[in-house]
């Protein structure tokens, strides 16, 4: 079962709640440290959250100059492309807040995928050089696809199967010096044959070593995927393999995710989808 579950009435209410919680998390962290690192997610639900942050009071109350922005995944497109996760975040949030350009660490989706993944990992290792074997993000934001994917960890893709099999080959550095032990990969180019595309994505250990992991999920199309996550770790439901090592994980969802529709359900339908007697998704 999913712990730390926060259910909101609407996507707008979800964005409002997450914005408030984010401001609190940032302020609490910066009372103890000099900078705050966050990995952004793509998708409509995170976009609504970003748009809320770009308005009062958060646009002026959050110490934006002390935040560093990364991306958990990216499509292999130029930064101006409408499908770019960076482009979406820039349009919804970054253009409105005083974040130093040097604090915006985007994935270069326009470069050859293997090169882009290696270069992004290199920049992350520089930023987190004192974190140890794995980076320690203050916050990683994630979404949930109808197929159960999160970031660009797609069912059946190498980044998922290699994690499950504990095969380091896909996650190791492209080259290692003579006599050095191979380093597990932080960022990979993930070949997704089902979609005939390639994506850049964090690997599971990078996500799982974050201090805070927040899933933002809305809409009836996510009902069945969320029900699968509740059943426990399963490579056919990649989001279910997100398991914090020492950090905390929260799920912010709206009622449609739980019940499969916006209308209040009957008493029987109030049970999680996976526990209903007839197995209906409510769609």
Protein backbone atom coordinates (compact mmCIF):
# COMPACT_ATOMS: atom_id res chain seq x y z
CA UNK A 1 0.00 0.00 0.00
CA UNK A 2 1.04 3.60 -0.63
CA UNK A 3 1.90 5.53 2.52
CA UNK A 4 1.85 9.33 2.96
CA UNK A 5 -1.13 9.66 0.62
CA UNK A 6 -2.68 13.12 0.29
CA UNK A 7 -5.97 13.24 -1.62
CA UNK A 8 -7.25 16.58 -2.95
CA UNK A 9 -10.59 17.46 -4.50
CA UNK A 10 -9.30 18.89 -7.80
CA UNK A 11 -6.07 19.41 -9.73
CA UNK A 12 -6.21 23.08 -8.74
CA UNK A 13 -6.48 22.17 -5.05
CA UNK A 14 -3.58 19.79 -5.50
CA UNK A 15 -1.39 22.49 -7.03
CA UNK A 16 -2.26 24.83 -4.15
CA UNK A 17 -1.42 22.23 -1.51
CA UNK A 18 1.85 21.20 -3.12
CA UNK A 19 2.94 24.84 -3.50
CA UNK A 20 2.40 25.44 0.20
CA UNK A 21 4.21 22.27 1.19
CA UNK A 22 7.06 23.10 -1.19
CA UNK A 23 7.57 26.57 0.31
CA UNK A 24 7.65 25.04 3.77
CA UNK A 25 10.12 22.32 2.73
CA UNK A 26 12.43 24.85 1.08
CA UNK A 27 12.42 27.20 4.06
CA UNK A 28 13.06 24.41 6.54
CA UNK A 29 15.94 23.04 4.46
CA UNK A 30 17.57 26.43 3.88
CA UNK A 31 17.53 27.13 7.61
CA UNK A 32 20.09 24.33 7.87
CA UNK A 33 21.96 24.45 4.54
CA UNK A 34 23.09 26.91 1.87
CA UNK A 35 21.28 25.55 -1.18
CA UNK A 36 18.24 23.48 -2.17
CA UNK A 37 18.32 21.03 -5.08
CA UNK A 38 15.19 19.94 -6.92
CA UNK A 39 14.64 17.68 -9.93
CA UNK A 40 11.59 18.71 -11.94
CA UNK A 41 9.12 16.47 -13.75
CA UNK A 42 7.24 16.91 -16.98
CA UNK A 43 3.48 16.55 -17.41
CA UNK A 44 0.30 18.55 -16.93
CA UNK A 45 -0.01 18.06 -13.17
CA UNK A 46 3.50 19.33 -12.35
CA UNK A 47 2.88 22.18 -14.79
CA UNK A 48 -0.09 23.36 -12.74
CA UNK A 49 2.11 23.31 -9.66
CA UNK A 50 4.80 25.34 -11.42
CA UNK A 51 2.22 27.88 -12.57
CA UNK A 52 1.01 28.27 -8.99
CA UNK A 53 4.56 28.91 -7.77
CA UNK A 54 4.88 31.67 -10.37
CA UNK A 55 2.16 33.69 -8.60
CA UNK A 56 1.86 35.44 -5.24
CA UNK A 57 2.90 34.79 -2.58
CA UNK A 58 5.47 32.22 -3.72
CA UNK A 59 6.94 34.20 -6.63
CA UNK A 60 8.40 36.66 -4.11
CA UNK A 61 8.51 34.72 -0.82
CA UNK A 62 10.66 31.75 -1.86
CA UNK A 63 14.44 32.43 -1.87
CA UNK A 64 14.80 31.45 -5.52
CA UNK A 65 18.46 32.45 -5.73
CA UNK A 66 19.34 29.56 -3.41
CA UNK A 67 17.51 26.92 -5.46
CA UNK A 68 19.16 24.70 -8.07
CA UNK A 69 16.98 23.11 -10.74
CA UNK A 70 17.59 19.75 -12.43
CA UNK A 71 15.35 17.49 -14.52
CA UNK A 72 14.60 13.83 -13.79
CA UNK A 73 14.04 13.04 -17.46
CA UNK A 74 13.87 14.66 -20.86
CA UNK A 75 12.81 13.95 -24.40
CA UNK A 76 15.50 14.02 -27.07
CA UNK A 77 14.37 17.30 -28.61
CA UNK A 78 15.74 20.87 -28.68
CA UNK A 79 15.02 23.05 -25.64
CA UNK A 80 12.53 25.18 -27.63
CA UNK A 81 10.49 22.15 -28.68
CA UNK A 82 6.96 22.00 -27.18
CA UNK A 83 7.61 18.43 -26.01
CA UNK A 84 10.67 19.47 -23.99
CA UNK A 85 10.26 19.17 -20.23
CA UNK A 86 12.68 22.06 -19.83
CA UNK A 87 10.62 24.21 -22.17
CA UNK A 88 7.46 23.52 -20.19
CA UNK A 89 9.08 24.43 -16.85
CA UNK A 90 10.67 27.54 -18.33
CA UNK A 91 7.34 28.73 -19.73
CA UNK A 92 5.34 27.91 -16.59
CA UNK A 93 7.78 28.96 -13.87
CA UNK A 94 11.41 29.80 -14.52
CA UNK A 95 10.78 32.88 -16.66
CA UNK A 96 8.84 34.45 -13.77
CA UNK A 97 11.19 33.87 -10.83
CA UNK A 98 14.69 35.26 -10.09
CA UNK A 99 16.67 32.04 -10.50
CA UNK A 100 20.29 32.61 -11.58
CA UNK A 101 20.82 31.05 -15.04
CA UNK A 102 23.75 29.05 -13.64
CA UNK A 103 21.32 27.33 -11.25
CA UNK A 104 19.24 25.88 -14.11
CA UNK A 105 20.82 22.54 -15.03
CA UNK A 106 18.87 21.29 -18.02
CA UNK A 107 19.36 18.06 -19.92
CA UNK A 108 20.60 18.72 -23.47
CA UNK A 109 17.99 16.73 -25.38
CA UNK A 110 19.25 18.11 -28.69
CA UNK A 111 22.60 16.30 -28.34
CA UNK A 112 23.22 12.63 -29.22
CA UNK A 113 21.44 10.68 -26.44
CA UNK A 114 24.44 8.77 -25.08
CA UNK A 115 26.51 11.94 -25.00
CA UNK A 116 23.72 13.96 -23.39
CA UNK A 117 23.25 11.38 -20.63
CA UNK A 118 26.99 11.18 -19.92
CA UNK A 119 27.41 14.97 -19.85
CA UNK A 120 24.45 15.44 -17.55
CA UNK A 121 25.75 12.81 -15.19
CA UNK A 122 29.13 14.55 -15.22
CA UNK A 123 27.54 17.86 -14.23
CA UNK A 124 25.55 16.15 -11.48
CA UNK A 125 28.67 14.48 -10.10
CA UNK A 126 30.31 17.88 -9.92
CA UNK A 127 27.37 19.38 -8.06
CA UNK A 128 27.01 16.45 -5.67
CA UNK A 129 30.72 15.73 -5.29
CA UNK A 130 30.40 15.64 -1.48
CA UNK A 131 27.29 13.44 -1.40
CA UNK A 132 29.02 10.10 -1.71
CA UNK A 133 28.26 7.20 -4.03
CA UNK A 134 24.83 8.55 -5.00
CA UNK A 135 23.50 12.12 -5.17
CA UNK A 136 21.14 13.36 -2.48
CA UNK A 137 18.52 15.66 -3.97
CA UNK A 138 16.48 17.66 -1.51
CA UNK A 139 13.40 16.95 -3.62
CA UNK A 140 12.60 14.91 -6.72
CA UNK A 141 9.21 15.44 -8.37
CA UNK A 142 7.63 12.58 -10.29
CA UNK A 143 4.49 11.92 -12.29
CA UNK A 144 2.69 8.68 -13.15
CA UNK A 145 1.77 7.54 -16.65
CA UNK A 146 -1.28 5.40 -17.49
CA UNK A 147 1.17 2.56 -18.21
CA UNK A 148 2.74 2.90 -14.76
CA UNK A 149 5.89 4.70 -15.87
CA UNK A 150 7.56 7.51 -13.97
CA UNK A 151 10.32 9.84 -15.18
CA UNK A 152 11.26 8.01 -18.42
CA UNK A 153 11.39 4.62 -16.72
CA UNK A 154 9.04 2.87 -19.15
CA UNK A 155 7.79 -0.74 -18.74
CA UNK A 156 10.12 -3.15 -20.52
CA UNK A 157 12.81 -0.55 -21.20
CA UNK A 158 16.49 -1.17 -20.41
CA UNK A 159 16.59 1.29 -17.51
CA UNK A 160 13.90 -0.77 -15.77
CA UNK A 161 15.06 -4.26 -16.63
CA UNK A 162 18.68 -3.48 -15.78
CA UNK A 163 17.66 -2.19 -12.39
CA UNK A 164 15.63 -5.26 -11.64
CA UNK A 165 18.40 -7.62 -12.72
CA UNK A 166 21.03 -5.61 -10.81
CA UNK A 167 23.08 -5.45 -13.99
CA UNK A 168 25.34 -2.42 -13.79
CA UNK A 169 26.27 -2.41 -17.47
CA UNK A 170 23.65 0.12 -18.52
CA UNK A 171 24.35 2.34 -15.52
CA UNK A 172 28.16 2.45 -15.58
CA UNK A 173 30.34 5.21 -16.92
CA UNK A 174 31.01 5.14 -20.66
CA UNK A 175 34.70 4.92 -19.87
CA UNK A 176 36.63 4.23 -16.67
CA UNK A 177 40.31 4.71 -16.02
CA UNK A 178 42.61 1.69 -15.83
CA UNK A 179 42.40 0.08 -12.40
CA UNK A 180 39.27 2.04 -11.38
CA UNK A 181 36.07 0.28 -10.37
CA UNK A 182 33.14 0.97 -12.73
CA UNK A 183 30.74 3.59 -11.41
CA UNK A 184 27.00 2.87 -11.58
CA UNK A 185 25.19 5.26 -13.90
CA UNK A 186 23.20 8.18 -12.56
CA UNK A 187 21.70 9.18 -15.91
CA UNK A 188 21.07 6.96 -18.94
CA UNK A 189 19.70 7.22 -22.44
CA UNK A 190 16.77 4.82 -22.32
CA UNK A 191 15.79 3.14 -25.59
CA UNK A 192 12.02 2.71 -25.62
CA UNK A 193 11.27 0.35 -28.47
CA UNK A 194 7.51 0.35 -27.89
CA UNK A 195 7.44 4.08 -28.62
CA UNK A 196 10.31 4.00 -31.13
CA UNK A 197 12.14 6.72 -29.25
CA UNK A 198 14.94 7.41 -26.82
CA UNK A 199 14.63 9.35 -23.57
CA UNK A 200 17.11 10.67 -21.02
CA UNK A 201 16.32 9.64 -17.46
CA UNK A 202 17.59 9.34 -13.91
CA UNK A 203 18.22 5.78 -12.79
CA UNK A 204 16.33 4.33 -9.85
CA UNK A 205 19.12 4.68 -7.26
CA UNK A 206 19.36 8.42 -7.97
CA UNK A 207 15.63 8.78 -7.32
CA UNK A 208 15.61 6.46 -4.33
CA UNK A 209 18.43 8.33 -2.58
CA UNK A 210 16.58 11.66 -2.59
CA UNK A 211 15.68 13.22 0.75
CA UNK A 212 12.09 13.77 -0.44
CA UNK A 213 10.19 12.20 -3.36
CA UNK A 214 6.81 13.63 -4.32
CA UNK A 215 4.47 12.04 -6.85
CA UNK A 216 1.93 14.47 -8.37
CA UNK A 217 -0.92 12.61 -10.07
CA UNK A 218 -4.36 13.66 -11.31
CA UNK A 219 -7.10 12.29 -13.55
CA UNK A 220 -9.16 9.15 -14.03
CA UNK A 221 -6.72 7.86 -16.66
CA UNK A 222 -4.25 7.19 -13.85
CA UNK A 223 -6.66 5.13 -11.72
CA UNK A 224 -5.52 1.68 -12.79
CA UNK A 225 -1.84 2.62 -12.80
CA UNK A 226 -2.15 3.91 -9.24
CA UNK A 227 -3.95 0.73 -8.20
CA UNK A 228 -1.04 -1.31 -9.54
CA UNK A 229 1.47 0.77 -7.58
CA UNK A 230 -0.47 0.01 -4.39
CA UNK A 231 0.16 -3.71 -4.87
CA UNK A 232 3.89 -3.33 -4.31
CA UNK A 233 7.10 -3.47 -6.37
CA UNK A 234 6.57 -4.83 -9.87
CA UNK A 235 8.73 -4.11 -12.94
CA UNK A 236 5.57 -3.97 -15.06
CA UNK A 237 4.65 -0.93 -12.97
CA UNK A 238 7.92 1.04 -12.95
CA UNK A 239 6.66 3.67 -10.50
CA UNK A 240 6.24 0.94 -7.90
CA UNK A 241 10.03 0.42 -7.90
CA UNK A 242 10.57 3.88 -6.45
CA UNK A 243 11.47 2.96 -2.87
CA UNK A 244 13.25 5.63 -0.77
CA UNK A 245 16.44 4.48 0.91
CA UNK A 246 16.52 6.99 3.77
CA UNK A 247 14.20 9.74 2.57
CA UNK A 248 10.44 10.21 2.57
CA UNK A 249 7.89 9.77 -0.22
CA UNK A 250 4.51 11.46 -0.62
CA UNK A 251 1.74 10.90 -3.12
CA UNK A 252 -0.40 13.94 -3.97
CA UNK A 253 -3.42 12.75 -5.96
CA UNK A 254 -6.90 14.00 -6.75
CA UNK A 255 -10.17 12.13 -6.25
CA UNK A 256 -10.37 11.02 -9.86
CA UNK A 257 -7.19 8.99 -9.40
CA UNK A 258 -8.73 7.18 -6.44
CA UNK A 259 -12.23 6.62 -7.79
CA UNK A 260 -11.84 6.87 -11.54
CA UNK A 261 -14.23 9.80 -11.89
CA UNK A 262 -14.92 13.21 -10.37
CA UNK A 263 -18.35 12.31 -9.00
CA UNK A 264 -18.41 11.05 -5.40
CA UNK A 265 -18.49 7.24 -5.46
CA UNK A 266 -20.82 4.86 -3.72
CA UNK A 267 -19.72 3.40 -0.38
CA UNK A 268 -18.32 0.30 -2.08
CA UNK A 269 -16.44 2.35 -4.64
CA UNK A 270 -14.75 4.33 -1.88
CA UNK A 271 -12.38 1.43 -1.41
CA UNK A 272 -9.12 1.62 -3.38
CA UNK A 273 -9.50 0.23 -6.89
CA UNK A 274 -7.38 -2.82 -6.09
CA UNK A 275 -9.73 -3.76 -3.22
CA UNK A 276 -13.08 -3.58 -5.05
CA UNK A 277 -14.89 -6.88 -5.33
CA UNK A 278 -15.59 -6.61 -9.04
CA UNK A 279 -12.21 -5.07 -9.94
CA UNK A 280 -13.79 -2.08 -11.71
CA UNK A 281 -11.61 0.97 -12.35
CA UNK A 282 -14.59 3.30 -12.30
CA UNK A 283 -13.98 4.33 -15.91
